Amino acid sequence: MKTKLNVQLEFPTPFTYKVLGLAQQELVDRIVEVVQHHVPGDYLPNIKSSSKGNYYSVSITIHATHIEQIETLYEELGKIDIVRMVL
């Protein structure tokens, strides 16, 4: 994935991902696992449930040091089978 974020961001910088997926506790655990694999640290994601309770919106912020880190996480988070979208 090629983006123009490297022009728009100055590193290091905080960067927040919003991950939308099926409403399962496993979703949050798998998101944190992927993020910790690439950017070790303690994370407390913000979780919101959809109005019907079928989906979760999980926001998680990392301290990004380079654009490749951001792009890799977009790709890896999108590979989680119960994820529907990564913003």
C-alpha atoms as a PDB file:
ATOM      1  CA  MET A   1       0.000   0.000   0.000  1.00  0.00           C
ATOM      2  CA  LYS A   2       1.481   3.333  -1.028  1.00  0.00           C
ATOM      3  CA  THR A   3       0.188   6.404   0.761  1.00  0.00           C
ATOM      4  CA  LYS A   4       1.147  10.050   1.064  1.00  0.00           C
ATOM      5  CA  LEU A   5       1.274   9.823   4.839  1.00  0.00           C
ATOM      6  CA  ASN A   6       5.067  10.114   4.825  1.00  0.00           C
ATOM      7  CA  VAL A   7       4.642  13.633   3.401  1.00  0.00           C
ATOM      8  CA  GLN A   8       1.872  14.567   5.833  1.00  0.00           C
ATOM      9  CA  LEU A   9       3.349  13.180   9.057  1.00  0.00           C
ATOM     10  CA  GLU A  10       6.475  13.996  11.031  1.00  0.00           C
ATOM     11  CA  PHE A  11       7.979  11.019  12.831  1.00  0.00           C
ATOM     12  CA  PRO A  12       7.887   9.926  15.572  1.00  0.00           C
ATOM     13  CA  THR A  13       4.159  10.537  15.992  1.00  0.00           C
ATOM     14  CA  PRO A  14       1.119   9.021  17.671  1.00  0.00           C
ATOM     15  CA  PHE A  15      -1.083   7.243  15.126  1.00  0.00           C
ATOM     16  CA  THR A  16      -4.566   5.852  15.775  1.00  0.00           C
ATOM     17  CA  TYR A  17      -6.124   2.928  13.930  1.00  0.00           C
ATOM     18  CA  LYS A  18      -9.859   2.290  13.974  1.00  0.00           C
ATOM     19  CA  VAL A  19     -10.627  -1.360  13.330  1.00  0.00           C
ATOM     20  CA  LEU A  20     -14.180  -2.508  12.611  1.00  0.00           C
ATOM     21  CA  GLY A  21     -14.984  -6.171  13.079  1.00  0.00           C
ATOM     22  CA  LEU A  22     -17.368  -8.792  14.390  1.00  0.00           C
ATOM     23  CA  ALA A  23     -18.452  -8.278  18.010  1.00  0.00           C
ATOM     24  CA  GLN A  24     -16.301 -10.954  19.618  1.00  0.00           C
ATOM     25  CA  GLN A  25     -13.873 -10.490  22.530  1.00  0.00           C
ATOM     26  CA  GLU A  26     -11.359 -12.357  20.383  1.00  0.00           C
ATOM     27  CA  LEU A  27     -11.299  -9.319  18.040  1.00  0.00           C
ATOM     28  CA  VAL A  28      -9.751  -7.035  20.651  1.00  0.00           C
ATOM     29  CA  ASP A  29      -7.246  -9.674  21.743  1.00  0.00           C
ATOM     30  CA  ARG A  30      -6.110 -10.335  18.170  1.00  0.00           C
ATOM     31  CA  ILE A  31      -5.779  -6.627  17.354  1.00  0.00           C
ATOM     32  CA  VAL A  32      -3.602  -6.045  20.424  1.00  0.00           C
ATOM     33  CA  GLU A  33      -1.546  -9.148  19.585  1.00  0.00           C
ATOM     34  CA  VAL A  34      -0.810  -7.896  16.053  1.00  0.00           C
ATOM     35  CA  VAL A  35       0.030  -4.385  17.245  1.00  0.00           C
ATOM     36  CA  GLN A  36       2.315  -5.652  20.020  1.00  0.00           C
ATOM     37  CA  HIS A  37       4.147  -7.860  17.530  1.00  0.00           C
ATOM     38  CA  HIS A  38       5.131  -4.786  15.492  1.00  0.00           C
ATOM     39  CA  VAL A  39       5.177  -2.064  18.182  1.00  0.00           C
ATOM     40  CA  PRO A  40       5.703  -3.590  21.643  1.00  0.00           C
ATOM     41  CA  GLY A  41       3.992  -1.742  24.465  1.00  0.00           C
ATOM     42  CA  ASP A  42       0.986  -1.587  26.744  1.00  0.00           C
ATOM     43  CA  TYR A  43      -2.267  -0.856  24.940  1.00  0.00           C
ATOM     44  CA  LEU A  44      -5.731  -0.015  26.213  1.00  0.00           C
ATOM     45  CA  PRO A  45      -7.942   0.006  23.112  1.00  0.00           C
ATOM     46  CA  ASN A  46     -11.196   1.949  23.115  1.00  0.00           C
ATOM     47  CA  ILE A  47     -14.093  -0.355  22.187  1.00  0.00           C
ATOM     48  CA  LYS A  48     -17.525   0.743  20.990  1.00  0.00           C
ATOM     49  CA  SER A  49     -20.356  -1.571  20.045  1.00  0.00           C
ATOM     50  CA  SER A  50     -22.620  -0.986  17.038  1.00  0.00           C
ATOM     51  CA  SER A  51     -26.271  -0.095  17.676  1.00  0.00           C
ATOM     52  CA  LYS A  52     -27.399  -3.682  17.060  1.00  0.00           C
ATOM     53  CA  GLY A  53     -24.389  -5.173  18.846  1.00  0.00           C
ATOM     54  CA  ASN A  54     -23.123  -7.109  15.819  1.00  0.00           C
ATOM     55  CA  TYR A  55     -19.862  -5.181  15.383  1.00  0.00           C
ATOM     56  CA  TYR A  56     -17.141  -3.546  17.454  1.00  0.00           C
ATOM     57  CA  SER A  57     -15.206  -0.435  16.593  1.00  0.00           C
ATOM     58  CA  VAL A  58     -11.789  -0.704  18.211  1.00  0.00           C
ATOM     59  CA  SER A  59      -9.503   2.341  18.349  1.00  0.00           C
ATOM     60  CA  ILE A  60      -5.866   1.770  19.215  1.00  0.00           C
ATOM     61  CA  THR A  61      -3.040   4.316  19.202  1.00  0.00           C
ATOM     62  CA  ILE A  62       0.625   3.497  18.568  1.00  0.00           C
ATOM     63  CA  HIS A  63       3.758   5.613  18.703  1.00  0.00           C
ATOM     64  CA  ALA A  64       4.876   5.337  15.065  1.00  0.00           C
ATOM     65  CA  THR A  65       8.518   5.839  14.170  1.00  0.00           C
ATOM     66  CA  HIS A  66       8.329   5.414  10.365  1.00  0.00           C
ATOM     67  CA  ILE A  67       5.809   5.099   7.529  1.00  0.00           C
ATOM     68  CA  GLU A  68       6.554   1.416   6.859  1.00  0.00           C
ATOM     69  CA  GLN A  69       5.404   0.617  10.394  1.00  0.00           C
ATOM     70  CA  ILE A  70       2.037   2.302   9.761  1.00  0.00           C
ATOM     71  CA  GLU A  71       1.523   0.614   6.392  1.00  0.00           C
ATOM     72  CA  THR A  72       2.513  -2.820   7.717  1.00  0.00           C
ATOM     73  CA  LEU A  73       0.009  -2.560  10.536  1.00  0.00           C
ATOM     74  CA  TYR A  74      -2.785  -1.555   8.131  1.00  0.00           C
ATOM     75  CA  GLU A  75      -2.021  -4.675   6.130  1.00  0.00           C
ATOM     76  CA  GLU A  76      -1.639  -7.041   9.096  1.00  0.00           C
ATOM     77  CA  LEU A  77      -4.759  -5.812  10.899  1.00  0.00           C
ATOM     78  CA  GLY A  78      -6.747  -6.266   7.689  1.00  0.00           C
ATOM     79  CA  LYS A  79      -5.689  -9.931   7.538  1.00  0.00           C
ATOM     80  CA  ILE A  80      -7.548 -10.800  10.761  1.00  0.00           C
ATOM     81  CA  ASP A  81     -10.479 -12.900   9.542  1.00  0.00           C
ATOM     82  CA  ILE A  82     -13.118 -11.218  11.753  1.00  0.00           C
ATOM     83  CA  VAL A  83     -12.006  -7.702  10.778  1.00  0.00           C
ATOM     84  CA  ARG A  84     -14.199  -5.982   8.229  1.00  0.00           C
ATOM     85  CA  MET A  85     -12.375  -2.652   7.809  1.00  0.00           C
ATOM     86  CA  VAL A  86      -9.286  -0.796   9.023  1.00  0.00           C
ATOM     87  CA  LEU A  87      -9.332   2.999   9.029  1.00  0.00           C
END
